[in-house]
N, C-alpha and C. Protein backbone atom coordinates (compact mmCIF):
# COMPACT_ATOMS: atom_id res chain seq x y z
N MET A 1 79.72 118.53 145.42
CA MET A 1 80.11 118.60 144.02
C MET A 1 78.84 118.51 143.17
N VAL A 2 78.76 119.37 142.19
CA VAL A 2 77.63 119.40 141.29
C VAL A 2 78.12 119.07 139.88
N ASP A 3 77.47 118.13 139.24
CA ASP A 3 77.81 117.74 137.87
C ASP A 3 76.89 118.49 136.93
N ILE A 4 77.44 119.38 136.12
CA ILE A 4 76.65 120.18 135.18
C ILE A 4 77.04 119.76 133.76
N HIS A 5 76.07 119.30 133.00
CA HIS A 5 76.32 118.90 131.61
C HIS A 5 76.15 120.11 130.71
N ALA A 6 77.21 120.51 130.06
CA ALA A 6 77.16 121.67 129.17
C ALA A 6 76.48 121.31 127.85
N TYR A 7 76.58 120.05 127.45
CA TYR A 7 75.92 119.61 126.23
C TYR A 7 75.83 118.09 126.24
N THR A 8 75.01 117.55 125.37
CA THR A 8 74.95 116.12 125.14
C THR A 8 75.05 115.89 123.64
N VAL A 9 75.48 114.73 123.27
CA VAL A 9 75.61 114.39 121.86
C VAL A 9 74.64 113.25 121.58
N GLU A 10 73.80 113.47 120.62
CA GLU A 10 72.84 112.45 120.22
C GLU A 10 72.92 112.28 118.72
N SER A 11 72.74 111.05 118.26
CA SER A 11 72.75 110.78 116.83
C SER A 11 71.40 111.12 116.22
N ASP A 12 71.45 111.64 115.03
CA ASP A 12 70.25 111.90 114.25
C ASP A 12 70.03 110.68 113.37
N LYS A 13 68.94 109.98 113.57
CA LYS A 13 68.70 108.73 112.84
C LYS A 13 68.68 108.93 111.32
N ALA A 14 68.13 110.05 110.85
CA ALA A 14 68.10 110.32 109.42
C ALA A 14 69.52 110.51 108.87
N VAL A 15 70.35 111.21 109.63
CA VAL A 15 71.74 111.42 109.21
C VAL A 15 72.48 110.09 109.21
N SER A 16 72.26 109.28 110.24
CA SER A 16 72.91 107.97 110.32
C SER A 16 72.52 107.08 109.15
N GLN A 17 71.27 107.09 108.78
CA GLN A 17 70.81 106.28 107.65
C GLN A 17 71.42 106.79 106.35
N SER A 18 71.45 108.09 106.18
CA SER A 18 72.06 108.68 104.99
C SER A 18 73.54 108.30 104.90
N ALA A 19 74.22 108.35 106.03
CA ALA A 19 75.64 107.98 106.06
C ALA A 19 75.82 106.52 105.69
N ARG A 20 74.96 105.65 106.20
CA ARG A 20 75.06 104.22 105.90
C ARG A 20 74.98 103.98 104.39
N GLU A 21 74.13 104.74 103.72
CA GLU A 21 73.98 104.58 102.27
C GLU A 21 75.20 105.08 101.51
N LYS A 22 75.94 106.01 102.09
CA LYS A 22 77.11 106.61 101.42
C LYS A 22 78.42 105.93 101.79
N LEU A 23 78.43 105.07 102.80
CA LEU A 23 79.68 104.46 103.27
C LEU A 23 80.37 103.57 102.25
N PRO A 24 79.64 102.74 101.48
CA PRO A 24 80.36 101.93 100.49
C PRO A 24 81.12 102.83 99.52
N GLY A 25 82.37 102.51 99.29
CA GLY A 25 83.20 103.32 98.41
C GLY A 25 83.92 104.45 99.12
N THR A 26 83.76 104.56 100.44
CA THR A 26 84.44 105.60 101.20
C THR A 26 85.94 105.31 101.22
N ASP A 27 86.75 106.34 100.98
CA ASP A 27 88.20 106.17 101.01
C ASP A 27 88.76 106.29 102.42
N TYR A 28 88.32 107.32 103.15
CA TYR A 28 88.81 107.57 104.50
C TYR A 28 87.65 107.79 105.44
N LEU A 29 87.78 107.23 106.63
CA LEU A 29 86.79 107.40 107.68
C LEU A 29 87.51 108.04 108.86
N CYS A 30 87.22 109.31 109.13
CA CYS A 30 87.95 110.09 110.13
C CYS A 30 87.21 110.12 111.45
N PHE A 31 87.91 109.79 112.52
CA PHE A 31 87.36 109.79 113.87
C PHE A 31 88.06 110.87 114.69
N SER A 32 87.27 111.78 115.26
CA SER A 32 87.86 112.88 116.03
C SER A 32 87.64 112.74 117.52
N SER A 33 87.04 111.62 117.95
CA SER A 33 86.89 111.39 119.39
C SER A 33 86.62 109.92 119.65
N ALA A 34 86.93 109.49 120.86
CA ALA A 34 86.64 108.11 121.26
C ALA A 34 85.13 107.88 121.25
N GLY A 35 84.36 108.90 121.67
CA GLY A 35 82.91 108.79 121.65
C GLY A 35 82.38 108.63 120.24
N GLY A 36 83.01 109.30 119.29
CA GLY A 36 82.62 109.15 117.88
C GLY A 36 82.86 107.75 117.37
N VAL A 37 83.96 107.14 117.81
CA VAL A 37 84.24 105.75 117.45
C VAL A 37 83.14 104.84 117.99
N GLU A 38 82.83 105.01 119.27
CA GLU A 38 81.80 104.17 119.90
C GLU A 38 80.46 104.34 119.20
N GLU A 39 80.09 105.56 118.92
CA GLU A 39 78.81 105.84 118.26
C GLU A 39 78.78 105.26 116.85
N PHE A 40 79.88 105.39 116.12
CA PHE A 40 79.94 104.85 114.76
C PHE A 40 79.69 103.35 114.77
N PHE A 41 80.40 102.62 115.62
CA PHE A 41 80.25 101.17 115.64
C PHE A 41 78.90 100.74 116.19
N ALA A 42 78.34 101.50 117.11
CA ALA A 42 77.01 101.18 117.64
C ALA A 42 75.95 101.31 116.55
N ILE A 43 76.11 102.29 115.69
CA ILE A 43 75.09 102.54 114.66
C ILE A 43 75.41 101.83 113.35
N GLN A 44 76.65 101.94 112.89
CA GLN A 44 77.00 101.40 111.57
C GLN A 44 77.51 99.96 111.63
N GLY A 45 78.07 99.56 112.74
CA GLY A 45 78.48 98.18 112.91
C GLY A 45 79.89 97.84 112.49
N ALA A 46 80.35 98.37 111.35
CA ALA A 46 81.67 98.00 110.85
C ALA A 46 82.18 99.06 109.89
N VAL A 47 83.48 99.05 109.69
CA VAL A 47 84.12 99.94 108.72
C VAL A 47 83.89 99.33 107.34
N PRO A 48 83.49 100.14 106.37
CA PRO A 48 83.28 99.59 105.04
C PRO A 48 84.57 99.06 104.43
N SER A 49 84.45 98.03 103.64
CA SER A 49 85.60 97.43 102.98
C SER A 49 86.32 98.48 102.13
N GLY A 50 87.63 98.53 102.26
CA GLY A 50 88.44 99.45 101.47
C GLY A 50 88.64 100.82 102.10
N ALA A 51 87.91 101.14 103.14
CA ALA A 51 88.06 102.45 103.79
C ALA A 51 89.25 102.41 104.75
N LYS A 52 90.00 103.48 104.79
CA LYS A 52 91.13 103.61 105.72
C LYS A 52 90.68 104.52 106.85
N CYS A 53 90.83 104.03 108.08
CA CYS A 53 90.44 104.82 109.25
C CYS A 53 91.57 105.78 109.63
N VAL A 54 91.17 106.95 110.11
CA VAL A 54 92.11 107.97 110.56
C VAL A 54 91.65 108.46 111.92
N CYS A 55 92.55 108.45 112.91
CA CYS A 55 92.22 108.92 114.25
C CYS A 55 92.95 110.23 114.53
N ILE A 56 92.29 111.10 115.29
CA ILE A 56 92.85 112.41 115.61
C ILE A 56 93.96 112.33 116.67
N GLY A 57 93.97 111.26 117.45
CA GLY A 57 94.98 111.12 118.49
C GLY A 57 94.94 109.75 119.12
N GLU A 58 95.80 109.55 120.09
CA GLU A 58 95.96 108.22 120.69
C GLU A 58 94.74 107.77 121.48
N THR A 59 94.03 108.66 122.14
CA THR A 59 92.83 108.27 122.88
C THR A 59 91.78 107.73 121.92
N THR A 60 91.62 108.39 120.80
CA THR A 60 90.68 107.93 119.77
C THR A 60 91.16 106.61 119.17
N ALA A 61 92.47 106.50 118.95
CA ALA A 61 93.04 105.27 118.40
C ALA A 61 92.80 104.09 119.34
N LYS A 62 92.94 104.32 120.64
CA LYS A 62 92.69 103.26 121.62
C LYS A 62 91.25 102.76 121.51
N ALA A 63 90.31 103.67 121.36
CA ALA A 63 88.91 103.28 121.22
C ALA A 63 88.70 102.49 119.92
N LEU A 64 89.35 102.93 118.85
CA LEU A 64 89.20 102.23 117.57
C LEU A 64 89.76 100.82 117.65
N ARG A 65 90.89 100.64 118.34
CA ARG A 65 91.49 99.30 118.48
C ARG A 65 90.54 98.30 119.16
N GLU A 66 89.61 98.80 119.95
CA GLU A 66 88.64 97.92 120.61
C GLU A 66 87.66 97.31 119.62
N HIS A 67 87.50 97.95 118.46
CA HIS A 67 86.50 97.52 117.48
C HIS A 67 87.10 97.07 116.15
N TYR A 68 88.34 97.42 115.90
CA TYR A 68 88.91 97.30 114.56
C TYR A 68 90.34 96.82 114.67
N ASN A 69 90.67 95.72 114.00
CA ASN A 69 92.01 95.17 114.15
C ASN A 69 92.89 95.29 112.91
N LEU A 70 92.50 96.12 111.96
CA LEU A 70 93.32 96.36 110.78
C LEU A 70 94.15 97.64 110.99
N PRO A 71 95.21 97.82 110.20
CA PRO A 71 96.01 99.04 110.34
C PRO A 71 95.18 100.30 110.05
N PHE A 72 95.51 101.39 110.73
CA PHE A 72 94.85 102.66 110.49
C PHE A 72 95.84 103.78 110.73
N LEU A 73 95.47 104.98 110.33
CA LEU A 73 96.32 106.16 110.48
C LEU A 73 96.00 106.88 111.77
N CYS A 74 97.01 107.54 112.33
CA CYS A 74 96.80 108.35 113.53
C CYS A 74 97.57 109.66 113.37
N SER A 75 96.89 110.74 113.62
CA SER A 75 97.48 112.07 113.50
C SER A 75 98.61 112.25 114.50
N ARG A 76 99.65 112.96 114.09
CA ARG A 76 100.75 113.28 115.01
C ARG A 76 100.40 114.47 115.89
N GLU A 77 99.47 115.28 115.43
CA GLU A 77 99.00 116.43 116.22
C GLU A 77 97.48 116.36 116.29
N ILE A 78 96.93 116.75 117.40
CA ILE A 78 95.49 116.61 117.63
C ILE A 78 94.76 117.79 117.00
N SER A 79 94.50 117.65 115.69
CA SER A 79 93.79 118.68 114.95
C SER A 79 93.31 118.09 113.63
N ALA A 80 92.36 118.78 113.01
CA ALA A 80 91.90 118.35 111.68
C ALA A 80 93.06 118.42 110.69
N GLU A 81 93.88 119.45 110.82
CA GLU A 81 95.03 119.59 109.94
C GLU A 81 95.99 118.40 110.11
N GLY A 82 96.17 117.96 111.35
CA GLY A 82 97.01 116.80 111.61
C GLY A 82 96.47 115.54 110.95
N MET A 83 95.16 115.41 110.92
CA MET A 83 94.54 114.25 110.27
C MET A 83 94.79 114.30 108.76
N VAL A 84 94.65 115.50 108.18
CA VAL A 84 94.91 115.66 106.74
C VAL A 84 96.37 115.32 106.44
N LYS A 85 97.28 115.79 107.28
CA LYS A 85 98.70 115.48 107.08
C LYS A 85 98.95 113.98 107.15
N ALA A 86 98.28 113.28 108.06
CA ALA A 86 98.44 111.83 108.17
C ALA A 86 97.99 111.14 106.88
N ILE A 87 96.88 111.61 106.33
CA ILE A 87 96.39 111.04 105.06
C ILE A 87 97.39 111.31 103.95
N LEU A 88 97.87 112.54 103.84
CA LEU A 88 98.82 112.88 102.78
C LEU A 88 100.12 112.09 102.91
N ARG A 89 100.61 111.93 104.16
CA ARG A 89 101.83 111.13 104.37
C ARG A 89 101.62 109.70 103.90
N SER A 90 100.42 109.17 104.14
CA SER A 90 100.16 107.77 103.77
C SER A 90 100.14 107.56 102.27
N GLN A 91 99.94 108.64 101.52
CA GLN A 91 99.86 108.53 100.06
C GLN A 91 101.22 108.72 99.39
N GLN A 92 102.23 109.09 100.18
CA GLN A 92 103.57 109.30 99.60
C GLN A 92 104.27 107.96 99.42
N PRO A 93 104.90 107.76 98.27
CA PRO A 93 105.66 106.51 98.10
C PRO A 93 106.83 106.48 99.06
N GLU A 94 107.14 105.31 99.53
CA GLU A 94 108.27 105.19 100.45
C GLU A 94 109.55 105.53 99.72
N GLU A 95 110.41 106.29 100.39
CA GLU A 95 111.65 106.76 99.77
C GLU A 95 112.56 105.62 99.36
N ASN A 96 112.54 104.53 100.10
CA ASN A 96 113.44 103.41 99.82
C ASN A 96 112.77 102.30 99.02
N ALA A 97 111.59 102.56 98.51
CA ALA A 97 110.90 101.51 97.74
C ALA A 97 111.68 101.20 96.47
N VAL A 98 111.68 99.95 96.10
CA VAL A 98 112.41 99.52 94.90
C VAL A 98 111.43 99.17 93.82
């Protein structure tokens, strides 16, 4: 058996620093992979106060639960569109709210 790596993912330190400066005031933090969750917490350390996390699917959500114990959104379908739908659903007032 031969293991062939088609690609590797590496963080760009300049991009990570720029992101760190922009994180305060972030409304939504979208994670599209478990590896992205791990990389985010390794570099940034924590979710900024007030930001709502959104996961693309259950595998990503499982990784997020290892680092984050507050409620977050999870897409019903594994796609960017599914993540947008999850955000939009979260902004709708509950039908039975009084």
